[in-house]
């Protein structure tokens, strides 16, 4: 999936988060968005997802060289953020089954295979409400990375993850990230974006 930003600017009230941002995300590219808190990283990610509007400039999306309207971008993306709500009354199994009724799954994986990949097999029947913050983040990342979409958007993906879980996250990207456009927002946590080859630094805008 391709995304083209042309003189993109975003303002809240009288404060500009960033101005005149030009960038092309080519199909299959891996890009990290860096910047301090309040620099607009998460807002830019929401704009890329089609969830937020721009103040000035334009954004365009293409899949297989065909333009996509902002109203239809959601069909092509998967998103994981620390603030993304999970359905806490569901067990892990129920959440996986529900999610993949709405999104296609990578490589036709079964529910059992997804549970195995989560590293939470012993918690498969446990309600999400009883998961730790790190376990919930694992679920968010599993659902996003294992959704068969051409664009994967990850906001601070290693939030609440220990070293072992961070290695698990990077293994998932290695196994299932090929030929997909991946964008990561990070507060300069190198383990979150070691696989990225392109960079946007909003602190320099």
C-alpha atoms as a PDB file:
ATOM      1  CA  UNK A   1       0.000   0.000   0.000  1.00  0.00           C
ATOM      2  CA  UNK A   2       1.225   3.506  -0.843  1.00  0.00           C
ATOM      3  CA  UNK A   3       0.556   6.745   1.038  1.00  0.00           C
ATOM      4  CA  UNK A   4       1.531  10.182  -0.247  1.00  0.00           C
ATOM      5  CA  UNK A   5       1.673  13.238   2.018  1.00  0.00           C
ATOM      6  CA  UNK A   6       1.786  16.633   0.291  1.00  0.00           C
ATOM      7  CA  UNK A   7       2.372  19.737   2.442  1.00  0.00           C
ATOM      8  CA  UNK A   8       0.483  17.985   5.227  1.00  0.00           C
ATOM      9  CA  UNK A   9      -0.202  20.145   8.296  1.00  0.00           C
ATOM     10  CA  UNK A  10      -2.212  19.607  11.466  1.00  0.00           C
ATOM     11  CA  UNK A  11      -3.357  22.196  13.978  1.00  0.00           C
ATOM     12  CA  UNK A  12      -5.245  21.983  17.264  1.00  0.00           C
ATOM     13  CA  UNK A  13      -6.864  25.320  18.061  1.00  0.00           C
ATOM     14  CA  UNK A  14      -3.988  27.793  17.548  1.00  0.00           C
ATOM     15  CA  UNK A  15      -1.145  25.295  17.932  1.00  0.00           C
ATOM     16  CA  UNK A  16       0.469  23.603  14.944  1.00  0.00           C
ATOM     17  CA  UNK A  17       1.624  20.046  15.670  1.00  0.00           C
ATOM     18  CA  UNK A  18       3.495  19.840  12.360  1.00  0.00           C
ATOM     19  CA  UNK A  19       3.512  21.763   9.099  1.00  0.00           C
ATOM     20  CA  UNK A  20       4.316  21.143   5.428  1.00  0.00           C
ATOM     21  CA  UNK A  21       5.094  17.462   5.832  1.00  0.00           C
ATOM     22  CA  UNK A  22       5.995  15.748   2.554  1.00  0.00           C
ATOM     23  CA  UNK A  23       6.592  12.015   2.457  1.00  0.00           C
ATOM     24  CA  UNK A  24       5.859   9.000   0.287  1.00  0.00           C
ATOM     25  CA  UNK A  25       5.335   5.631   1.953  1.00  0.00           C
ATOM     26  CA  UNK A  26       6.043   3.142  -0.800  1.00  0.00           C
ATOM     27  CA  UNK A  27       4.430  -0.290  -0.860  1.00  0.00           C
ATOM     28  CA  UNK A  28       6.328  -2.633   1.447  1.00  0.00           C
ATOM     29  CA  UNK A  29       8.233   0.180   3.185  1.00  0.00           C
ATOM     30  CA  UNK A  30       8.981   0.212   6.923  1.00  0.00           C
ATOM     31  CA  UNK A  31       8.956   3.653   8.503  1.00  0.00           C
ATOM     32  CA  UNK A  32       9.362   4.925  12.050  1.00  0.00           C
ATOM     33  CA  UNK A  33       7.813   8.218  13.180  1.00  0.00           C
ATOM     34  CA  UNK A  34       9.941   9.731  15.949  1.00  0.00           C
ATOM     35  CA  UNK A  35       9.378  12.739  18.186  1.00  0.00           C
ATOM     36  CA  UNK A  36       8.899  13.853  21.766  1.00  0.00           C
ATOM     37  CA  UNK A  37       5.574  13.650  23.588  1.00  0.00           C
ATOM     38  CA  UNK A  38       3.152  16.138  22.072  1.00  0.00           C
ATOM     39  CA  UNK A  39       4.978  16.327  18.734  1.00  0.00           C
ATOM     40  CA  UNK A  40       2.018  14.803  16.881  1.00  0.00           C
ATOM     41  CA  UNK A  41       3.162  11.198  16.326  1.00  0.00           C
ATOM     42  CA  UNK A  42      -0.125   9.572  17.317  1.00  0.00           C
ATOM     43  CA  UNK A  43      -2.119  12.233  15.482  1.00  0.00           C
ATOM     44  CA  UNK A  44      -0.144  11.588  12.300  1.00  0.00           C
ATOM     45  CA  UNK A  45      -0.789   7.863  12.679  1.00  0.00           C
ATOM     46  CA  UNK A  46      -4.526   8.560  12.982  1.00  0.00           C
ATOM     47  CA  UNK A  47      -4.357  10.663   9.818  1.00  0.00           C
ATOM     48  CA  UNK A  48      -2.596   7.793   8.011  1.00  0.00           C
ATOM     49  CA  UNK A  49      -5.407   5.506   9.179  1.00  0.00           C
ATOM     50  CA  UNK A  50      -8.052   7.908   7.871  1.00  0.00           C
ATOM     51  CA  UNK A  51      -9.398   8.500  11.388  1.00  0.00           C
ATOM     52  CA  UNK A  52      -8.372  12.164  11.608  1.00  0.00           C
ATOM     53  CA  UNK A  53      -8.588  15.006   9.118  1.00  0.00           C
ATOM     54  CA  UNK A  54      -5.800  17.350   8.055  1.00  0.00           C
ATOM     55  CA  UNK A  55      -5.730  21.122   8.564  1.00  0.00           C
ATOM     56  CA  UNK A  56      -3.790  21.879   5.386  1.00  0.00           C
ATOM     57  CA  UNK A  57      -2.287  19.866   2.551  1.00  0.00           C
ATOM     58  CA  UNK A  58      -3.403  16.481   1.273  1.00  0.00           C
ATOM     59  CA  UNK A  59      -3.028  12.768   1.881  1.00  0.00           C
ATOM     60  CA  UNK A  60      -3.608  10.068  -0.716  1.00  0.00           C
ATOM     61  CA  UNK A  61      -3.766   6.275  -0.439  1.00  0.00           C
ATOM     62  CA  UNK A  62      -3.230   3.669  -3.150  1.00  0.00           C
ATOM     63  CA  UNK A  63      -3.430  -0.107  -3.221  1.00  0.00           C
ATOM     64  CA  UNK A  64      -2.092  -1.856  -6.314  1.00  0.00           C
ATOM     65  CA  UNK A  65      -1.791   1.608  -7.934  1.00  0.00           C
ATOM     66  CA  UNK A  66      -5.522   2.218  -7.442  1.00  0.00           C
ATOM     67  CA  UNK A  67      -6.655   5.243  -5.407  1.00  0.00           C
ATOM     68  CA  UNK A  68      -8.537   4.588  -2.167  1.00  0.00           C
ATOM     69  CA  UNK A  69     -10.986   7.050  -0.642  1.00  0.00           C
ATOM     70  CA  UNK A  70     -10.631   8.116   2.992  1.00  0.00           C
ATOM     71  CA  UNK A  71     -13.947   6.397   3.746  1.00  0.00           C
ATOM     72  CA  UNK A  72     -12.570   3.046   2.627  1.00  0.00           C
ATOM     73  CA  UNK A  73      -9.047   3.138   4.076  1.00  0.00           C
ATOM     74  CA  UNK A  74     -10.148   1.157   7.152  1.00  0.00           C
ATOM     75  CA  UNK A  75     -10.527  -1.942   4.978  1.00  0.00           C
ATOM     76  CA  UNK A  76      -6.801  -1.923   4.213  1.00  0.00           C
ATOM     77  CA  UNK A  77      -5.306  -1.237   7.649  1.00  0.00           C
ATOM     78  CA  UNK A  78      -4.678  -2.897  10.972  1.00  0.00           C
ATOM     79  CA  UNK A  79      -3.830  -0.804  14.009  1.00  0.00           C
ATOM     80  CA  UNK A  80      -2.355  -1.412  17.454  1.00  0.00           C
ATOM     81  CA  UNK A  81      -2.038   1.295  20.093  1.00  0.00           C
ATOM     82  CA  UNK A  82      -1.675   1.122  23.906  1.00  0.00           C
ATOM     83  CA  UNK A  83      -4.974   3.010  24.232  1.00  0.00           C
ATOM     84  CA  UNK A  84      -6.931   0.697  21.918  1.00  0.00           C
ATOM     85  CA  UNK A  85      -9.745  -0.835  23.958  1.00  0.00           C
ATOM     86  CA  UNK A  86     -10.177  -4.606  24.027  1.00  0.00           C
ATOM     87  CA  UNK A  87     -13.467  -6.351  24.803  1.00  0.00           C
ATOM     88  CA  UNK A  88     -12.711  -7.322  28.362  1.00  0.00           C
ATOM     89  CA  UNK A  89     -15.700  -9.642  28.782  1.00  0.00           C
ATOM     90  CA  UNK A  90     -14.285 -11.874  26.025  1.00  0.00           C
ATOM     91  CA  UNK A  91     -11.758 -14.603  26.620  1.00  0.00           C
ATOM     92  CA  UNK A  92      -8.641 -14.589  24.465  1.00  0.00           C
ATOM     93  CA  UNK A  93     -10.201 -17.264  22.246  1.00  0.00           C
ATOM     94  CA  UNK A  94     -13.460 -15.333  21.885  1.00  0.00           C
ATOM     95  CA  UNK A  95     -11.632 -12.099  21.076  1.00  0.00           C
ATOM     96  CA  UNK A  96      -9.552 -13.764  18.369  1.00  0.00           C
ATOM     97  CA  UNK A  97     -12.616 -15.426  16.841  1.00  0.00           C
ATOM     98  CA  UNK A  98     -14.587 -12.168  16.909  1.00  0.00           C
ATOM     99  CA  UNK A  99     -11.764 -10.076  15.433  1.00  0.00           C
ATOM    100  CA  UNK A 100     -11.138 -12.425  12.532  1.00  0.00           C
ATOM    101  CA  UNK A 101     -14.777 -12.397  11.545  1.00  0.00           C
ATOM    102  CA  UNK A 102     -14.137  -8.732  10.691  1.00  0.00           C
ATOM    103  CA  UNK A 103     -10.616  -8.960   9.227  1.00  0.00           C
ATOM    104  CA  UNK A 104      -8.957 -11.627   7.074  1.00  0.00           C
ATOM    105  CA  UNK A 105      -6.244 -13.621   8.830  1.00  0.00           C
ATOM    106  CA  UNK A 106      -2.688 -14.029   7.525  1.00  0.00           C
ATOM    107  CA  UNK A 107      -1.903 -17.333   5.835  1.00  0.00           C
ATOM    108  CA  UNK A 108      -5.301 -18.781   6.750  1.00  0.00           C
ATOM    109  CA  UNK A 109      -4.204 -19.448  10.329  1.00  0.00           C
ATOM    110  CA  UNK A 110      -6.678 -21.208  12.605  1.00  0.00           C
ATOM    111  CA  UNK A 111      -7.791 -19.957  16.010  1.00  0.00           C
ATOM    112  CA  UNK A 112      -5.635 -22.615  17.672  1.00  0.00           C
ATOM    113  CA  UNK A 113      -2.585 -21.513  15.684  1.00  0.00           C
ATOM    114  CA  UNK A 114      -3.219 -17.869  16.611  1.00  0.00           C
ATOM    115  CA  UNK A 115      -3.516 -18.749  20.282  1.00  0.00           C
ATOM    116  CA  UNK A 116      -0.238 -20.635  20.038  1.00  0.00           C
ATOM    117  CA  UNK A 117       1.433 -17.659  18.352  1.00  0.00           C
ATOM    118  CA  UNK A 118       0.193 -15.318  21.086  1.00  0.00           C
ATOM    119  CA  UNK A 119       2.363 -17.026  23.693  1.00  0.00           C
ATOM    120  CA  UNK A 120      -0.710 -17.005  25.950  1.00  0.00           C
ATOM    121  CA  UNK A 121      -2.025 -20.517  25.344  1.00  0.00           C
ATOM    122  CA  UNK A 122      -2.533 -21.191  29.043  1.00  0.00           C
ATOM    123  CA  UNK A 123      -4.790 -18.090  29.187  1.00  0.00           C
ATOM    124  CA  UNK A 124      -6.914 -18.907  26.139  1.00  0.00           C
ATOM    125  CA  UNK A 125     -10.139 -19.253  28.167  1.00  0.00           C
ATOM    126  CA  UNK A 126      -9.376 -16.389  30.582  1.00  0.00           C
ATOM    127  CA  UNK A 127     -11.322 -13.136  30.283  1.00  0.00           C
ATOM    128  CA  UNK A 128      -9.257 -10.229  28.917  1.00  0.00           C
ATOM    129  CA  UNK A 129     -10.289  -8.236  32.027  1.00  0.00           C
ATOM    130  CA  UNK A 130      -7.920 -10.390  34.069  1.00  0.00           C
ATOM    131  CA  UNK A 131      -4.935  -9.887  31.747  1.00  0.00           C
ATOM    132  CA  UNK A 132      -1.982  -7.737  32.781  1.00  0.00           C
ATOM    133  CA  UNK A 133      -1.163  -4.623  30.742  1.00  0.00           C
ATOM    134  CA  UNK A 134       1.633  -6.526  28.995  1.00  0.00           C
ATOM    135  CA  UNK A 135      -0.676  -9.416  28.102  1.00  0.00           C
ATOM    136  CA  UNK A 136      -3.261  -7.001  26.702  1.00  0.00           C
ATOM    137  CA  UNK A 137      -0.571  -5.387  24.564  1.00  0.00           C
ATOM    138  CA  UNK A 138       0.350  -8.830  23.223  1.00  0.00           C
ATOM    139  CA  UNK A 139      -3.282  -9.309  22.182  1.00  0.00           C
ATOM    140  CA  UNK A 140      -3.399  -5.923  20.429  1.00  0.00           C
ATOM    141  CA  UNK A 141      -0.204  -6.672  18.515  1.00  0.00           C
ATOM    142  CA  UNK A 142      -1.288 -10.197  17.605  1.00  0.00           C
ATOM    143  CA  UNK A 143      -4.590  -8.972  16.168  1.00  0.00           C
ATOM    144  CA  UNK A 144      -2.925  -6.166  14.186  1.00  0.00           C
ATOM    145  CA  UNK A 145       0.070  -8.033  12.801  1.00  0.00           C
ATOM    146  CA  UNK A 146      -1.851 -11.229  12.011  1.00  0.00           C
ATOM    147  CA  UNK A 147      -4.629  -9.370  10.172  1.00  0.00           C
ATOM    148  CA  UNK A 148      -4.030  -9.794   6.453  1.00  0.00           C
ATOM    149  CA  UNK A 149      -3.927  -6.099   5.544  1.00  0.00           C
ATOM    150  CA  UNK A 150      -1.421  -4.242   3.345  1.00  0.00           C
ATOM    151  CA  UNK A 151      -0.907  -1.453   5.926  1.00  0.00           C
ATOM    152  CA  UNK A 152       0.084  -2.044   9.563  1.00  0.00           C
ATOM    153  CA  UNK A 153       0.126   0.930  11.962  1.00  0.00           C
ATOM    154  CA  UNK A 154       1.759   0.488  15.375  1.00  0.00           C
ATOM    155  CA  UNK A 155       1.840   3.172  18.063  1.00  0.00           C
ATOM    156  CA  UNK A 156       4.530   2.536  20.713  1.00  0.00           C
ATOM    157  CA  UNK A 157       4.204  -1.235  20.204  1.00  0.00           C
ATOM    158  CA  UNK A 158       6.532  -2.300  23.022  1.00  0.00           C
ATOM    159  CA  UNK A 159       4.612  -0.343  25.684  1.00  0.00           C
ATOM    160  CA  UNK A 160       4.230  -2.593  28.746  1.00  0.00           C
ATOM    161  CA  UNK A 161       6.265  -5.382  27.126  1.00  0.00           C
ATOM    162  CA  UNK A 162       9.254  -6.959  28.864  1.00  0.00           C
ATOM    163  CA  UNK A 163      12.371  -8.034  26.951  1.00  0.00           C
ATOM    164  CA  UNK A 164      11.002 -11.475  26.160  1.00  0.00           C
ATOM    165  CA  UNK A 165       7.724 -10.085  24.834  1.00  0.00           C
ATOM    166  CA  UNK A 166       9.614  -7.470  22.797  1.00  0.00           C
ATOM    167  CA  UNK A 167      11.540 -10.297  21.125  1.00  0.00           C
ATOM    168  CA  UNK A 168       8.192 -12.009  20.466  1.00  0.00           C
ATOM    169  CA  UNK A 169       6.898  -8.826  18.787  1.00  0.00           C
ATOM    170  CA  UNK A 170       9.945  -8.574  16.536  1.00  0.00           C
ATOM    171  CA  UNK A 171       9.603 -12.254  15.607  1.00  0.00           C
ATOM    172  CA  UNK A 172       5.975 -11.645  14.554  1.00  0.00           C
ATOM    173  CA  UNK A 173       7.056  -8.752  12.326  1.00  0.00           C
ATOM    174  CA  UNK A 174       9.762 -10.928  10.767  1.00  0.00           C
ATOM    175  CA  UNK A 175       7.339 -13.794  10.117  1.00  0.00           C
ATOM    176  CA  UNK A 176       4.307 -11.848   8.920  1.00  0.00           C
ATOM    177  CA  UNK A 177       5.499  -8.387   7.870  1.00  0.00           C
ATOM    178  CA  UNK A 178       6.915  -9.200   4.454  1.00  0.00           C
ATOM    179  CA  UNK A 179       5.628  -7.066   1.558  1.00  0.00           C
ATOM    180  CA  UNK A 180       3.414  -5.016   3.876  1.00  0.00           C
ATOM    181  CA  UNK A 181       3.713  -1.290   4.542  1.00  0.00           C
ATOM    182  CA  UNK A 182       4.528  -0.855   8.239  1.00  0.00           C
ATOM    183  CA  UNK A 183       4.553   2.433  10.163  1.00  0.00           C
ATOM    184  CA  UNK A 184       5.711   2.592  13.789  1.00  0.00           C
ATOM    185  CA  UNK A 185       5.414   5.531  16.201  1.00  0.00           C
ATOM    186  CA  UNK A 186       8.129   5.526  18.855  1.00  0.00           C
ATOM    187  CA  UNK A 187       9.666   7.605  21.630  1.00  0.00           C
ATOM    188  CA  UNK A 188      13.116   6.528  20.418  1.00  0.00           C
ATOM    189  CA  UNK A 189      12.815   2.990  21.813  1.00  0.00           C
ATOM    190  CA  UNK A 190      15.148   1.249  19.370  1.00  0.00           C
ATOM    191  CA  UNK A 191      13.681  -2.230  19.927  1.00  0.00           C
ATOM    192  CA  UNK A 192      10.335  -1.006  18.548  1.00  0.00           C
ATOM    193  CA  UNK A 193      11.651  -0.104  15.120  1.00  0.00           C
ATOM    194  CA  UNK A 194      14.958  -1.873  14.497  1.00  0.00           C
ATOM    195  CA  UNK A 195      13.467  -3.312  11.294  1.00  0.00           C
ATOM    196  CA  UNK A 196      12.544   0.138   9.901  1.00  0.00           C
ATOM    197  CA  UNK A 197      14.609   1.560   7.047  1.00  0.00           C
ATOM    198  CA  UNK A 198      12.916   4.992   6.760  1.00  0.00           C
ATOM    199  CA  UNK A 199      12.383   7.730   9.328  1.00  0.00           C
ATOM    200  CA  UNK A 200      10.207  10.797   9.929  1.00  0.00           C
ATOM    201  CA  UNK A 201      11.348  12.918  12.871  1.00  0.00           C
ATOM    202  CA  UNK A 202       8.573  15.285  13.964  1.00  0.00           C
ATOM    203  CA  UNK A 203      10.834  16.945  16.546  1.00  0.00           C
ATOM    204  CA  UNK A 204      12.594  18.585  13.580  1.00  0.00           C
ATOM    205  CA  UNK A 205       9.416  19.976  12.021  1.00  0.00           C
END
